[in-house]
Amino acid sequence: MLSILISVGVGVVVGLGLGLTGVMGYGWSSFFGVLSFGGAQLAMGRIFQRRLKGAMESVQAVLVDGQKKLQAKMARWQMRPPGSIQAMQAEIARDQRVFVTEALARTEDLRQFTPWVPMMARQIATAQFQLFWMIREFKKVDELMPKALFMDPAMKAMKIARMYMLGKPTDEISKVYAKAVRGLRYNQNALLAATYSWILVQRKDIDGAFKALNRAMERSDNETLRSNREHLANNRVAHFSNSGLGEQWYALMLEEPKVRQQRQRMQWR
């Protein structure tokens, strides 16, 4: 990273300058060299942090504004339901694609910080991975997967979900899942455990899903996990459902939310 190289250069120049000119001894020259390195790194860090924050807030603003408009439209539909659920879903998808595409374009502005900010390229890949996922551009998602950072449970669940979509062997998915839940705090495993057990149920490994939920419940009291474990224990596989997790589950694109057609009431005068 250029910022680190410049800071090292500043430290070396100050340290050698003080030492070679005889202004200070070796020990003090080294000390002030290290101090200069830290000062230069801190100064550049603050400068780029402010600019980077502004650029990232610009991306976030596009998403927030787009979501608000989408929610307002859906609120209007609740008052006056559309004639076709399919048409409504298609319009939502189009609207979402518009503002997500704009947000993706703004992530490219972040590339100017790549030479200066450590891991910037991977942070950009992570943001773009999530945005392409939102609009189901899975070819782009697959290209970004090796570069993205899978740090939080939602990102880890997306990785597992994509492996399932691609038909990866259960053994591979199980290894990724085991690593993903390691070290998580209490209840942070809920989405991951729900996703992994759902995959096992889809692949007819009911016993494996039950055991996975049993282990997950040692670190969680999530109601959806508890309910699904009871359904499997009582041979009610058809009742297995992750709908209780709400939007975070449907955001994985493994299932579509069930939308009920609202009936318009006749107005009698």
Protein backbone atom coordinates (compact mmCIF):
# COMPACT_ATOMS: atom_id res chain seq x y z
CA MET A 1 0.00 0.00 0.00
CA LEU A 2 1.29 3.42 -0.96
CA SER A 3 0.33 4.95 2.38
CA ILE A 4 2.48 2.43 4.24
CA LEU A 5 5.42 2.87 1.84
CA ILE A 6 5.26 6.65 2.18
CA SER A 7 5.08 6.40 5.97
CA VAL A 8 8.07 4.04 6.00
CA GLY A 9 9.93 6.48 3.77
CA VAL A 10 9.18 9.35 6.14
CA GLY A 11 10.33 7.31 9.13
CA VAL A 12 13.56 6.23 7.42
CA VAL A 13 14.38 9.77 6.26
CA VAL A 14 13.81 11.23 9.73
CA GLY A 15 15.68 8.44 11.51
CA LEU A 16 18.68 8.46 9.18
CA GLY A 17 18.69 12.24 8.98
CA LEU A 18 18.91 12.63 12.73
CA GLY A 19 21.48 9.86 13.03
CA LEU A 20 23.80 10.74 10.17
CA THR A 21 23.89 14.43 10.96
CA GLY A 22 24.87 13.69 14.53
CA VAL A 23 21.92 15.60 15.97
CA MET A 24 20.94 12.57 18.02
CA GLY A 25 22.34 9.18 18.89
CA TYR A 26 21.30 5.91 17.32
CA GLY A 27 18.65 5.12 19.93
CA TRP A 28 16.89 8.49 19.80
CA SER A 29 17.16 8.63 15.99
CA SER A 30 15.44 5.25 15.75
CA PHE A 31 12.77 6.35 18.22
CA PHE A 32 11.92 9.51 16.29
CA GLY A 33 12.03 7.58 13.02
CA VAL A 34 9.38 5.18 14.32
CA LEU A 35 7.41 8.11 15.73
CA SER A 36 7.51 9.85 12.34
CA PHE A 37 6.29 6.67 10.66
CA GLY A 38 3.32 6.49 13.05
CA GLY A 39 2.54 10.18 12.64
CA ALA A 40 2.59 10.01 8.86
CA GLN A 41 0.42 6.90 8.86
CA LEU A 42 -2.07 8.50 11.24
CA ALA A 43 -2.28 11.73 9.24
CA MET A 44 -2.87 9.98 5.92
CA GLY A 45 -5.31 7.60 7.57
CA ARG A 46 -7.44 10.50 8.79
CA ILE A 47 -7.40 12.22 5.41
CA PHE A 48 -8.43 9.13 3.47
CA GLN A 49 -10.88 8.02 6.15
CA ARG A 50 -12.93 11.19 5.69
CA ARG A 51 -12.95 10.89 1.91
CA LEU A 52 -13.71 7.17 2.02
CA LYS A 53 -16.57 7.69 4.47
CA GLY A 54 -18.15 10.23 2.13
CA ALA A 55 -17.88 7.88 -0.85
CA MET A 56 -19.38 4.96 1.07
CA GLU A 57 -22.21 7.12 2.41
CA SER A 58 -22.99 8.06 -1.19
CA VAL A 59 -23.52 4.38 -2.05
CA GLN A 60 -25.62 3.85 1.07
CA ALA A 61 -27.76 6.92 0.31
CA VAL A 62 -28.74 5.48 -3.09
CA LEU A 63 -29.86 2.22 -1.48
CA VAL A 64 -31.78 3.91 1.34
CA ASP A 65 -33.57 6.26 -1.05
CA GLY A 66 -34.44 3.39 -3.39
CA GLN A 67 -35.78 1.26 -0.54
CA LYS A 68 -37.93 4.14 0.74
CA LYS A 69 -39.52 4.64 -2.67
CA LEU A 70 -40.11 0.90 -2.99
CA GLN A 71 -41.72 0.72 0.46
CA ALA A 72 -43.95 3.70 -0.36
CA LYS A 73 -45.13 1.98 -3.54
CA MET A 74 -45.85 -1.25 -1.66
CA ALA A 75 -47.79 0.72 0.97
CA ARG A 76 -49.97 2.16 -1.81
CA TRP A 77 -50.54 -1.33 -3.15
CA GLN A 78 -51.78 -2.45 0.25
CA MET A 79 -54.47 0.21 0.06
CA ARG A 80 -55.30 -0.54 -3.58
CA PRO A 81 -54.04 -4.04 -4.47
CA PRO A 82 -52.86 -4.55 -8.06
CA GLY A 83 -54.72 -6.91 -10.32
CA SER A 84 -51.79 -9.29 -10.78
CA ILE A 85 -49.30 -10.48 -8.18
CA GLN A 86 -46.88 -11.44 -10.96
CA ALA A 87 -47.00 -7.93 -12.42
CA MET A 88 -46.40 -6.46 -8.97
CA GLN A 89 -43.37 -8.69 -8.38
CA ALA A 90 -41.96 -7.84 -11.81
CA GLU A 91 -42.34 -4.11 -11.15
CA ILE A 92 -40.62 -4.43 -7.76
CA ALA A 93 -37.74 -6.28 -9.40
CA ARG A 94 -37.39 -3.57 -12.08
CA ASP A 95 -37.44 -0.75 -9.53
CA GLN A 96 -34.89 -2.52 -7.37
CA ARG A 97 -32.59 -3.13 -10.32
CA VAL A 98 -32.60 0.59 -11.13
CA PHE A 99 -31.31 1.81 -7.76
CA VAL A 100 -29.02 -1.16 -7.17
CA THR A 101 -27.39 -0.56 -10.56
CA GLU A 102 -26.82 3.06 -9.58
CA ALA A 103 -25.28 1.95 -6.28
CA LEU A 104 -23.00 -0.45 -8.14
CA ALA A 105 -21.80 2.38 -10.35
CA ARG A 106 -20.95 4.42 -7.27
CA THR A 107 -18.89 1.60 -5.79
CA GLU A 108 -16.49 2.10 -8.69
CA ASP A 109 -15.66 5.51 -7.19
CA LEU A 110 -14.15 3.63 -4.24
CA ARG A 111 -11.37 2.24 -6.44
CA GLN A 112 -9.45 5.51 -6.14
CA PHE A 113 -8.68 4.51 -2.56
CA THR A 114 -7.29 1.08 -3.46
CA PRO A 115 -3.59 2.15 -3.50
CA TRP A 116 -3.99 3.91 -0.16
CA VAL A 117 -6.33 1.83 1.98
CA PRO A 118 -5.40 -1.77 2.91
CA MET A 119 -7.93 -4.40 1.75
CA MET A 120 -9.88 -1.79 -0.21
CA ALA A 121 -10.19 -4.00 -3.29
CA ARG A 122 -11.69 -6.81 -1.21
CA GLN A 123 -14.08 -4.41 0.53
CA ILE A 124 -15.30 -3.22 -2.87
CA ALA A 125 -15.71 -6.84 -4.01
CA THR A 126 -17.73 -7.58 -0.87
CA ALA A 127 -20.09 -4.64 -1.46
CA GLN A 128 -20.54 -5.53 -5.13
CA PHE A 129 -21.11 -9.20 -4.26
CA GLN A 130 -24.07 -8.18 -2.08
CA LEU A 131 -25.48 -5.76 -4.65
CA PHE A 132 -25.27 -8.20 -7.55
CA TRP A 133 -26.94 -10.78 -5.31
CA MET A 134 -29.87 -8.41 -4.73
CA ILE A 135 -30.59 -8.28 -8.46
CA ARG A 136 -29.81 -11.97 -9.03
CA GLU A 137 -26.78 -11.40 -11.23
CA PHE A 138 -25.29 -14.68 -10.12
CA LYS A 139 -22.63 -14.84 -12.83
CA LYS A 140 -21.13 -11.66 -11.35
CA VAL A 141 -21.63 -13.06 -7.84
CA ASP A 142 -19.58 -16.14 -8.74
CA GLU A 143 -16.80 -13.99 -10.19
CA LEU A 144 -16.61 -11.92 -7.00
CA MET A 145 -16.87 -14.78 -4.52
CA PRO A 146 -13.10 -15.53 -4.36
CA LYS A 147 -12.38 -11.83 -3.70
CA ALA A 148 -15.17 -11.02 -1.20
CA LEU A 149 -14.81 -11.00 2.58
CA PHE A 150 -17.15 -13.41 4.36
CA MET A 151 -17.02 -12.03 7.89
CA ASP A 152 -20.60 -11.67 9.13
CA PRO A 153 -23.26 -14.43 9.38
CA ALA A 154 -25.35 -13.01 6.52
CA MET A 155 -22.43 -13.10 4.07
CA LYS A 156 -21.52 -16.61 5.21
CA ALA A 157 -25.11 -17.74 4.70
CA MET A 158 -25.06 -16.27 1.18
CA LYS A 159 -21.94 -18.30 0.40
CA ILE A 160 -23.57 -21.51 1.62
CA ALA A 161 -26.77 -20.70 -0.29
CA ARG A 162 -24.81 -20.13 -3.49
CA MET A 163 -22.96 -23.42 -3.05
CA TYR A 164 -26.35 -25.14 -2.85
CA MET A 165 -27.58 -23.34 -5.97
CA LEU A 166 -24.48 -24.54 -7.82
CA GLY A 167 -25.10 -28.13 -6.72
CA LYS A 168 -21.95 -28.42 -4.62
CA PRO A 169 -21.59 -31.69 -2.68
CA THR A 170 -23.08 -31.75 0.82
CA ASP A 171 -19.66 -32.57 2.30
CA GLU A 172 -18.23 -29.32 0.91
CA ILE A 173 -21.16 -27.30 2.21
CA SER A 174 -20.86 -28.97 5.61
CA LYS A 175 -17.20 -27.97 5.90
CA VAL A 176 -17.95 -24.36 5.02
CA TYR A 177 -20.85 -24.32 7.50
CA ALA A 178 -18.76 -25.77 10.32
CA LYS A 179 -16.12 -23.11 9.78
CA ALA A 180 -18.74 -20.35 9.45
CA VAL A 181 -20.40 -20.99 12.83
CA ARG A 182 -17.15 -21.38 14.69
CA GLY A 183 -16.59 -18.58 17.17
CA LEU A 184 -19.98 -16.89 16.71
CA ARG A 185 -21.70 -15.37 19.72
CA TYR A 186 -24.98 -16.67 21.13
CA ASN A 187 -27.82 -16.53 18.57
CA GLN A 188 -25.57 -15.31 15.75
CA ASN A 189 -25.80 -18.79 14.22
CA ALA A 190 -29.56 -18.67 13.61
CA LEU A 191 -29.55 -17.76 9.90
CA LEU A 192 -26.63 -20.07 9.14
CA ALA A 193 -28.19 -23.04 10.97
CA ALA A 194 -31.56 -22.39 9.35
CA THR A 195 -29.97 -22.28 5.90
CA TYR A 196 -27.81 -25.36 6.40
CA SER A 197 -30.66 -27.45 7.85
CA TRP A 198 -32.97 -26.33 5.01
CA ILE A 199 -30.38 -27.54 2.48
CA LEU A 200 -30.15 -30.92 4.21
CA VAL A 201 -33.95 -31.24 4.21
CA GLN A 202 -34.04 -30.43 0.48
CA ARG A 203 -31.48 -33.19 -0.07
CA LYS A 204 -33.58 -35.63 1.98
CA ASP A 205 -31.03 -35.86 4.82
CA ILE A 206 -33.64 -35.40 7.53
CA ASP A 207 -31.52 -37.02 10.24
CA GLY A 208 -28.59 -34.76 9.37
CA ALA A 209 -30.83 -31.68 9.52
CA PHE A 210 -32.20 -32.71 12.92
CA LYS A 211 -28.70 -33.24 14.30
CA ALA A 212 -27.55 -29.89 12.88
CA LEU A 213 -30.46 -28.13 14.59
CA ASN A 214 -29.72 -29.93 17.85
CA ARG A 215 -26.14 -28.65 17.80
CA ALA A 216 -27.28 -25.16 16.77
CA MET A 217 -29.75 -24.96 19.68
CA GLU A 218 -26.85 -25.34 22.09
CA ARG A 219 -25.83 -21.82 21.02
CA SER A 220 -29.23 -20.34 20.23
CA ASP A 221 -32.79 -20.01 21.48
CA ASN A 222 -34.16 -18.90 18.11
CA GLU A 223 -37.84 -19.81 17.76
CA THR A 224 -37.58 -20.80 14.09
CA LEU A 225 -34.77 -23.26 14.82
CA ARG A 226 -36.68 -24.67 17.79
CA SER A 227 -39.89 -25.06 15.79
CA ASN A 228 -38.13 -26.77 12.87
CA ARG A 229 -36.34 -29.15 15.21
CA GLU A 230 -39.70 -30.16 16.72
CA HIS A 231 -41.22 -30.69 13.29
CA LEU A 232 -38.37 -32.98 12.24
CA ALA A 233 -38.43 -34.84 15.58
CA ASN A 234 -42.15 -35.56 15.06
CA ASN A 235 -41.82 -36.51 11.39
CA ARG A 236 -43.57 -33.33 10.21
CA VAL A 237 -41.06 -32.55 7.49
CA ALA A 238 -43.67 -30.75 5.38
CA HIS A 239 -44.05 -28.17 8.19
CA PHE A 240 -40.33 -27.28 8.13
CA SER A 241 -40.14 -23.56 7.35
CA ASN A 242 -37.69 -20.70 7.73
CA SER A 243 -40.34 -18.06 7.05
CA GLY A 244 -40.10 -16.98 10.70
CA LEU A 245 -36.72 -15.42 9.92
CA GLY A 246 -38.44 -12.99 7.59
CA GLU A 247 -36.54 -10.88 5.08
CA GLN A 248 -33.10 -12.14 6.06
CA TRP A 249 -34.16 -15.63 4.94
CA TYR A 250 -35.84 -14.58 1.70
CA ALA A 251 -32.85 -12.37 0.85
CA LEU A 252 -30.88 -15.60 0.29
CA MET A 253 -33.07 -16.27 -2.79
CA LEU A 254 -33.61 -19.92 -1.84
CA GLU A 255 -37.36 -19.45 -1.48
CA GLU A 256 -39.90 -16.85 -2.52
CA PRO A 257 -42.23 -15.41 0.13
CA LYS A 258 -45.77 -16.59 -0.17
CA VAL A 259 -47.90 -13.66 -1.27
CA ARG A 260 -51.62 -13.86 -0.81
CA GLN A 261 -53.86 -12.17 -3.33
CA GLN A 262 -55.94 -9.60 -1.49
CA ARG A 263 -59.55 -9.40 -2.46
CA GLN A 264 -61.02 -5.99 -3.07
CA ARG A 265 -64.21 -5.49 -1.15
CA MET A 266 -67.34 -4.32 -2.90
CA GLN A 267 -68.43 -0.84 -1.90
CA TRP A 268 -72.17 -0.65 -1.46
CA ARG A 269 -73.85 2.72 -1.60
